[in-house]
């Protein structure tokens, strides 16, 4: 994904079943969002190009801002269904290990210029 420096975006998580049908994301769904730079950017001392602004309670939508030029990877890990103590005692949730990685590039906005004035 290519994002423009300074702009804000909302990343929306969608879960699909084996046939490609969209699944409902329950309110107790949780995951952890991490942004890391690529190795070349890390060696240059750069930080993650995204700044996380806000997350929905079930992490199905995450607001980010393209804060720095560069490349990085957004990773969603630790996917789980949050349960109460009673629910855990009755029936612990079994979640498959899910990890989502999204490569991002933050770039300057494209500016179109003409070499001479138009008509």
N, C-alpha and C. Protein backbone atom coordinates (compact mmCIF):
# COMPACT_ATOMS: atom_id res chain seq x y z
N UNK A 1 0.83 -1.16 0.00
CA UNK A 1 0.00 0.00 0.00
C UNK A 1 0.88 1.23 0.00
N UNK A 2 0.50 2.23 -0.75
CA UNK A 2 1.20 3.51 -0.79
C UNK A 2 0.30 4.55 -0.14
N UNK A 3 0.81 5.20 0.88
CA UNK A 3 0.08 6.22 1.62
C UNK A 3 0.78 7.56 1.44
N UNK A 4 0.02 8.65 1.46
CA UNK A 4 0.57 9.98 1.26
C UNK A 4 0.92 10.61 2.61
N UNK A 5 2.12 11.15 2.69
CA UNK A 5 2.62 11.78 3.91
C UNK A 5 1.65 12.84 4.42
N UNK A 6 1.34 12.77 5.72
CA UNK A 6 0.47 13.76 6.36
C UNK A 6 -1.01 13.44 6.34
N UNK A 7 -1.42 12.49 5.55
CA UNK A 7 -2.84 12.14 5.48
C UNK A 7 -3.19 11.06 6.49
N UNK A 8 -4.45 11.05 6.88
CA UNK A 8 -4.95 10.06 7.83
C UNK A 8 -5.78 9.01 7.08
N UNK A 9 -5.73 7.78 7.58
CA UNK A 9 -6.42 6.67 6.94
C UNK A 9 -7.07 5.81 8.02
N UNK A 10 -8.09 5.06 7.61
CA UNK A 10 -8.70 4.06 8.48
C UNK A 10 -8.48 2.71 7.83
N UNK A 11 -7.81 1.82 8.56
CA UNK A 11 -7.62 0.46 8.08
C UNK A 11 -8.72 -0.39 8.70
N UNK A 12 -9.48 -1.07 7.85
CA UNK A 12 -10.61 -1.87 8.32
C UNK A 12 -10.28 -3.34 8.14
N UNK A 13 -10.43 -4.10 9.20
CA UNK A 13 -10.17 -5.53 9.16
C UNK A 13 -11.43 -6.25 8.70
N UNK A 14 -11.27 -7.13 7.74
CA UNK A 14 -12.36 -7.99 7.29
C UNK A 14 -11.89 -9.43 7.35
N UNK A 15 -12.69 -10.29 7.92
CA UNK A 15 -12.40 -11.72 7.97
C UNK A 15 -13.28 -12.42 6.95
N UNK A 16 -12.66 -13.31 6.18
CA UNK A 16 -13.40 -14.06 5.16
C UNK A 16 -13.31 -15.54 5.45
N UNK A 17 -14.38 -16.27 5.12
CA UNK A 17 -14.33 -17.72 5.27
C UNK A 17 -13.67 -18.33 4.04
N UNK A 18 -13.62 -19.65 3.97
CA UNK A 18 -12.93 -20.34 2.88
C UNK A 18 -13.54 -20.05 1.51
N UNK A 19 -14.84 -19.72 1.48
CA UNK A 19 -15.49 -19.43 0.20
C UNK A 19 -15.46 -17.95 -0.15
N UNK A 20 -14.82 -17.13 0.70
CA UNK A 20 -14.70 -15.71 0.41
C UNK A 20 -15.83 -14.86 0.95
N UNK A 21 -16.72 -15.47 1.73
CA UNK A 21 -17.82 -14.71 2.33
C UNK A 21 -17.32 -13.95 3.56
N UNK A 22 -17.78 -12.73 3.71
CA UNK A 22 -17.37 -11.91 4.84
C UNK A 22 -17.97 -12.44 6.14
N UNK A 23 -17.14 -12.51 7.19
CA UNK A 23 -17.59 -12.98 8.50
C UNK A 23 -17.81 -11.79 9.43
N UNK A 24 -18.74 -11.94 10.35
CA UNK A 24 -19.01 -10.93 11.36
C UNK A 24 -17.87 -10.93 12.38
N UNK A 25 -17.35 -9.76 12.70
CA UNK A 25 -16.31 -9.64 13.73
C UNK A 25 -17.02 -9.33 15.04
N UNK A 26 -16.94 -10.24 16.02
CA UNK A 26 -17.68 -10.03 17.27
C UNK A 26 -17.09 -8.89 18.11
N UNK A 27 -17.90 -8.33 19.00
CA UNK A 27 -17.43 -7.23 19.85
C UNK A 27 -16.28 -7.60 20.77
N UNK A 28 -16.13 -8.89 21.10
CA UNK A 28 -15.06 -9.30 22.01
C UNK A 28 -13.79 -9.74 21.27
N UNK A 29 -13.70 -9.48 19.98
CA UNK A 29 -12.51 -9.77 19.18
C UNK A 29 -11.41 -8.78 19.55
N UNK A 30 -10.19 -9.26 19.73
CA UNK A 30 -9.06 -8.40 20.08
C UNK A 30 -7.83 -8.83 19.27
N UNK A 31 -6.99 -7.85 18.95
CA UNK A 31 -5.69 -8.13 18.34
C UNK A 31 -4.75 -6.99 18.71
N UNK A 32 -3.48 -7.20 18.47
CA UNK A 32 -2.47 -6.21 18.80
C UNK A 32 -1.87 -5.69 17.49
N UNK A 33 -1.80 -4.36 17.36
CA UNK A 33 -1.26 -3.73 16.16
C UNK A 33 0.18 -3.28 16.40
N UNK A 34 1.06 -3.65 15.48
CA UNK A 34 2.47 -3.28 15.58
C UNK A 34 2.89 -2.73 14.22
N UNK A 35 3.69 -1.67 14.24
CA UNK A 35 4.27 -1.16 13.00
C UNK A 35 5.78 -1.20 13.16
N UNK A 36 6.44 -1.79 12.18
CA UNK A 36 7.90 -1.81 12.24
C UNK A 36 8.45 -1.38 10.88
N UNK A 37 9.65 -0.82 10.90
CA UNK A 37 10.28 -0.37 9.67
C UNK A 37 10.95 -1.54 8.98
N UNK A 38 11.29 -1.33 7.73
CA UNK A 38 12.06 -2.35 7.02
C UNK A 38 13.50 -2.26 7.52
N UNK A 39 14.31 -3.25 7.25
CA UNK A 39 15.68 -3.29 7.76
C UNK A 39 16.49 -2.10 7.30
N UNK A 40 16.37 -1.69 6.04
CA UNK A 40 17.16 -0.57 5.55
C UNK A 40 16.79 0.72 6.26
N UNK A 41 15.49 0.92 6.51
CA UNK A 41 15.06 2.13 7.22
C UNK A 41 15.50 2.08 8.67
N UNK A 42 15.49 0.90 9.27
CA UNK A 42 15.89 0.75 10.66
C UNK A 42 17.37 1.10 10.82
N UNK A 43 18.20 0.66 9.87
CA UNK A 43 19.62 0.96 9.93
C UNK A 43 19.89 2.45 9.81
N UNK A 44 19.02 3.15 9.09
CA UNK A 44 19.19 4.59 8.92
C UNK A 44 18.66 5.36 10.13
N UNK A 45 18.13 4.67 11.13
CA UNK A 45 17.64 5.31 12.35
C UNK A 45 16.25 5.89 12.21
N UNK A 46 15.50 5.46 11.23
CA UNK A 46 14.16 5.99 11.03
C UNK A 46 13.15 5.27 11.92
N UNK A 47 12.04 5.94 12.18
CA UNK A 47 10.98 5.35 12.99
C UNK A 47 9.90 4.80 12.06
N UNK A 48 8.94 4.14 12.63
CA UNK A 48 7.82 3.61 11.86
C UNK A 48 7.15 4.75 11.11
N UNK A 49 6.83 4.56 9.83
CA UNK A 49 6.23 5.65 9.06
C UNK A 49 4.78 5.97 9.43
N UNK A 50 4.14 5.11 10.20
CA UNK A 50 2.75 5.35 10.60
C UNK A 50 2.66 5.71 12.08
N UNK A 51 1.67 6.54 12.39
CA UNK A 51 1.35 6.82 13.78
C UNK A 51 -0.08 6.33 14.00
N UNK A 52 -0.25 5.47 15.00
CA UNK A 52 -1.57 4.95 15.33
C UNK A 52 -2.34 6.01 16.11
N UNK A 53 -3.51 6.39 15.61
CA UNK A 53 -4.30 7.44 16.24
C UNK A 53 -5.37 6.88 17.17
N UNK A 54 -6.09 5.86 16.68
CA UNK A 54 -7.21 5.33 17.46
C UNK A 54 -7.58 3.95 16.94
N UNK A 55 -8.12 3.12 17.83
CA UNK A 55 -8.60 1.79 17.45
C UNK A 55 -10.03 1.64 17.94
N UNK A 56 -10.83 0.90 17.18
CA UNK A 56 -12.16 0.56 17.66
C UNK A 56 -11.99 -0.44 18.80
N UNK A 57 -13.00 -0.57 19.67
CA UNK A 57 -12.86 -1.49 20.81
C UNK A 57 -12.51 -2.92 20.40
N UNK A 58 -13.00 -3.39 19.26
CA UNK A 58 -12.68 -4.76 18.86
C UNK A 58 -11.57 -4.81 17.81
N UNK A 59 -10.83 -3.74 17.65
CA UNK A 59 -9.70 -3.61 16.72
C UNK A 59 -10.05 -3.94 15.27
N UNK A 60 -11.32 -3.81 14.90
CA UNK A 60 -11.72 -4.06 13.51
C UNK A 60 -11.44 -2.86 12.63
N UNK A 61 -11.24 -1.70 13.23
CA UNK A 61 -10.90 -0.48 12.49
C UNK A 61 -9.81 0.25 13.26
N UNK A 62 -8.78 0.68 12.54
CA UNK A 62 -7.65 1.36 13.16
C UNK A 62 -7.37 2.63 12.36
N UNK A 63 -7.39 3.78 13.03
CA UNK A 63 -7.08 5.05 12.39
C UNK A 63 -5.58 5.29 12.51
N UNK A 64 -4.94 5.61 11.38
CA UNK A 64 -3.51 5.86 11.35
C UNK A 64 -3.23 7.14 10.58
N UNK A 65 -2.05 7.69 10.81
CA UNK A 65 -1.60 8.84 10.03
C UNK A 65 -0.24 8.51 9.44
N UNK A 66 -0.07 8.85 8.17
CA UNK A 66 1.23 8.68 7.52
C UNK A 66 2.13 9.80 8.01
N UNK A 67 2.96 9.50 9.01
CA UNK A 67 3.70 10.54 9.72
C UNK A 67 5.12 10.76 9.21
N UNK A 68 5.74 9.75 8.62
CA UNK A 68 7.13 9.85 8.17
C UNK A 68 7.29 9.16 6.83
N UNK A 69 8.19 9.68 6.01
CA UNK A 69 8.51 9.01 4.75
C UNK A 69 9.21 7.70 5.05
N UNK A 70 8.95 6.69 4.26
CA UNK A 70 9.64 5.42 4.44
C UNK A 70 8.75 4.23 4.22
N UNK A 71 9.32 3.07 4.53
CA UNK A 71 8.62 1.80 4.36
C UNK A 71 8.46 1.12 5.70
N UNK A 72 7.44 0.31 5.80
CA UNK A 72 7.24 -0.45 7.03
C UNK A 72 6.24 -1.56 6.83
N UNK A 73 5.99 -2.27 7.90
CA UNK A 73 5.02 -3.36 7.89
C UNK A 73 4.11 -3.21 9.10
N UNK A 74 2.81 -3.25 8.85
CA UNK A 74 1.83 -3.25 9.94
C UNK A 74 1.46 -4.71 10.17
N UNK A 75 1.55 -5.14 11.41
CA UNK A 75 1.25 -6.53 11.77
C UNK A 75 0.17 -6.56 12.83
N UNK A 76 -0.84 -7.39 12.61
CA UNK A 76 -1.85 -7.66 13.63
C UNK A 76 -1.56 -9.05 14.17
N UNK A 77 -1.31 -9.13 15.47
CA UNK A 77 -0.99 -10.41 16.10
C UNK A 77 -1.84 -10.58 17.36
N UNK A 78 -1.58 -11.65 18.07
CA UNK A 78 -2.28 -11.95 19.33
C UNK A 78 -3.79 -11.89 19.17
N UNK A 79 -4.28 -12.46 18.10
CA UNK A 79 -5.72 -12.47 17.84
C UNK A 79 -6.40 -13.37 18.87
N UNK A 80 -7.45 -12.85 19.50
CA UNK A 80 -8.16 -13.63 20.52
C UNK A 80 -9.58 -13.13 20.70
N UNK A 81 -10.38 -13.93 21.35
CA UNK A 81 -11.70 -13.52 21.78
C UNK A 81 -11.64 -13.30 23.28
N UNK A 82 -11.89 -12.09 23.71
CA UNK A 82 -11.84 -11.76 25.12
C UNK A 82 -13.05 -12.39 25.81
N UNK A 83 -12.79 -13.12 26.91
CA UNK A 83 -13.87 -13.82 27.60
C UNK A 83 -13.87 -13.47 29.08
N UNK A 84 -15.04 -13.58 29.67
CA UNK A 84 -15.15 -13.38 31.12
C UNK A 84 -14.63 -14.64 31.82
N UNK A 85 -14.43 -14.55 33.13
CA UNK A 85 -13.95 -15.71 33.90
C UNK A 85 -14.91 -16.88 33.80
N UNK A 86 -16.24 -16.60 33.84
CA UNK A 86 -17.23 -17.67 33.75
C UNK A 86 -17.18 -18.36 32.39
N UNK A 87 -17.04 -17.56 31.32
CA UNK A 87 -16.97 -18.13 29.99
C UNK A 87 -15.72 -19.00 29.82
N UNK A 88 -14.60 -18.55 30.39
CA UNK A 88 -13.37 -19.32 30.31
C UNK A 88 -13.50 -20.66 31.02
N UNK A 89 -14.16 -20.64 32.18
CA UNK A 89 -14.33 -21.87 32.95
C UNK A 89 -15.25 -22.85 32.20
N UNK A 90 -16.30 -22.31 31.57
CA UNK A 90 -17.25 -23.15 30.84
C UNK A 90 -16.66 -23.71 29.56
N UNK A 91 -16.17 -22.80 28.73
CA UNK A 91 -15.75 -23.19 27.39
C UNK A 91 -14.72 -22.20 26.86
N UNK A 92 -13.44 -22.54 26.95
CA UNK A 92 -12.43 -21.62 26.43
C UNK A 92 -12.53 -21.48 24.91
N UNK A 93 -12.35 -20.27 24.42
CA UNK A 93 -12.43 -20.03 22.97
C UNK A 93 -11.19 -20.59 22.29
N UNK A 94 -11.42 -21.24 21.19
CA UNK A 94 -10.30 -21.76 20.40
C UNK A 94 -10.20 -20.92 19.13
N UNK A 95 -9.15 -20.14 19.05
CA UNK A 95 -8.93 -19.30 17.88
C UNK A 95 -7.74 -19.84 17.10
N UNK A 96 -7.87 -19.90 15.80
CA UNK A 96 -6.69 -20.28 15.02
C UNK A 96 -5.65 -19.18 15.12
N UNK A 97 -4.40 -19.53 14.92
CA UNK A 97 -3.34 -18.52 14.94
C UNK A 97 -3.48 -17.68 13.69
N UNK A 98 -3.84 -16.43 13.87
CA UNK A 98 -3.99 -15.52 12.75
C UNK A 98 -2.96 -14.40 12.87
N UNK A 99 -2.32 -14.11 11.78
CA UNK A 99 -1.40 -12.98 11.72
C UNK A 99 -1.60 -12.31 10.37
N UNK A 100 -1.73 -11.00 10.40
CA UNK A 100 -1.89 -10.23 9.17
C UNK A 100 -0.70 -9.31 9.05
N UNK A 101 -0.05 -9.32 7.90
CA UNK A 101 1.04 -8.39 7.64
C UNK A 101 0.71 -7.59 6.40
N UNK A 102 0.89 -6.28 6.51
CA UNK A 102 0.58 -5.36 5.42
C UNK A 102 1.78 -4.46 5.20
N UNK A 103 2.40 -4.56 4.02
CA UNK A 103 3.53 -3.69 3.70
C UNK A 103 3.02 -2.33 3.27
N UNK A 104 3.63 -1.29 3.81
CA UNK A 104 3.20 0.08 3.50
C UNK A 104 4.41 0.90 3.07
N UNK A 105 4.13 1.89 2.25
CA UNK A 105 5.13 2.86 1.80
C UNK A 105 4.51 4.24 1.98
N UNK A 106 5.16 5.12 2.71
CA UNK A 106 4.68 6.49 2.85
C UNK A 106 5.51 7.36 1.92
N UNK A 107 4.81 8.07 1.03
CA UNK A 107 5.47 8.86 -0.01
C UNK A 107 4.93 10.29 0.00
N UNK A 108 5.66 11.18 -0.66
CA UNK A 108 5.20 12.56 -0.86
C UNK A 108 4.01 12.54 -1.81
N UNK A 109 3.15 13.55 -1.70
CA UNK A 109 2.03 13.67 -2.62
C UNK A 109 2.57 13.98 -4.02
N UNK A 110 1.91 13.47 -5.03
CA UNK A 110 2.31 13.73 -6.41
C UNK A 110 1.82 15.13 -6.78
N UNK A 111 2.71 15.93 -7.31
CA UNK A 111 2.34 17.28 -7.75
C UNK A 111 2.53 17.35 -9.27
N UNK A 112 1.46 17.63 -9.96
CA UNK A 112 1.52 17.74 -11.41
C UNK A 112 1.84 19.18 -11.78
N UNK A 113 2.84 19.34 -12.59
CA UNK A 113 3.23 20.67 -13.04
C UNK A 113 3.36 20.64 -14.55
N UNK A 114 2.95 21.71 -15.19
CA UNK A 114 3.14 21.82 -16.63
C UNK A 114 4.34 22.71 -16.90
N UNK A 115 5.10 22.44 -17.95
CA UNK A 115 6.28 23.24 -18.22
C UNK A 115 5.95 24.66 -18.69
N UNK A 116 4.71 24.86 -19.13
CA UNK A 116 4.29 26.20 -19.58
C UNK A 116 2.80 26.34 -19.28
N UNK A 117 2.31 27.56 -19.15
CA UNK A 117 0.88 27.77 -18.86
C UNK A 117 -0.01 27.23 -19.98
N UNK A 118 -1.13 26.72 -19.59
CA UNK A 118 -2.09 26.19 -20.57
C UNK A 118 -2.90 27.29 -21.23
N UNK A 119 -3.83 26.90 -22.10
CA UNK A 119 -4.64 27.89 -22.83
C UNK A 119 -5.54 28.70 -21.93
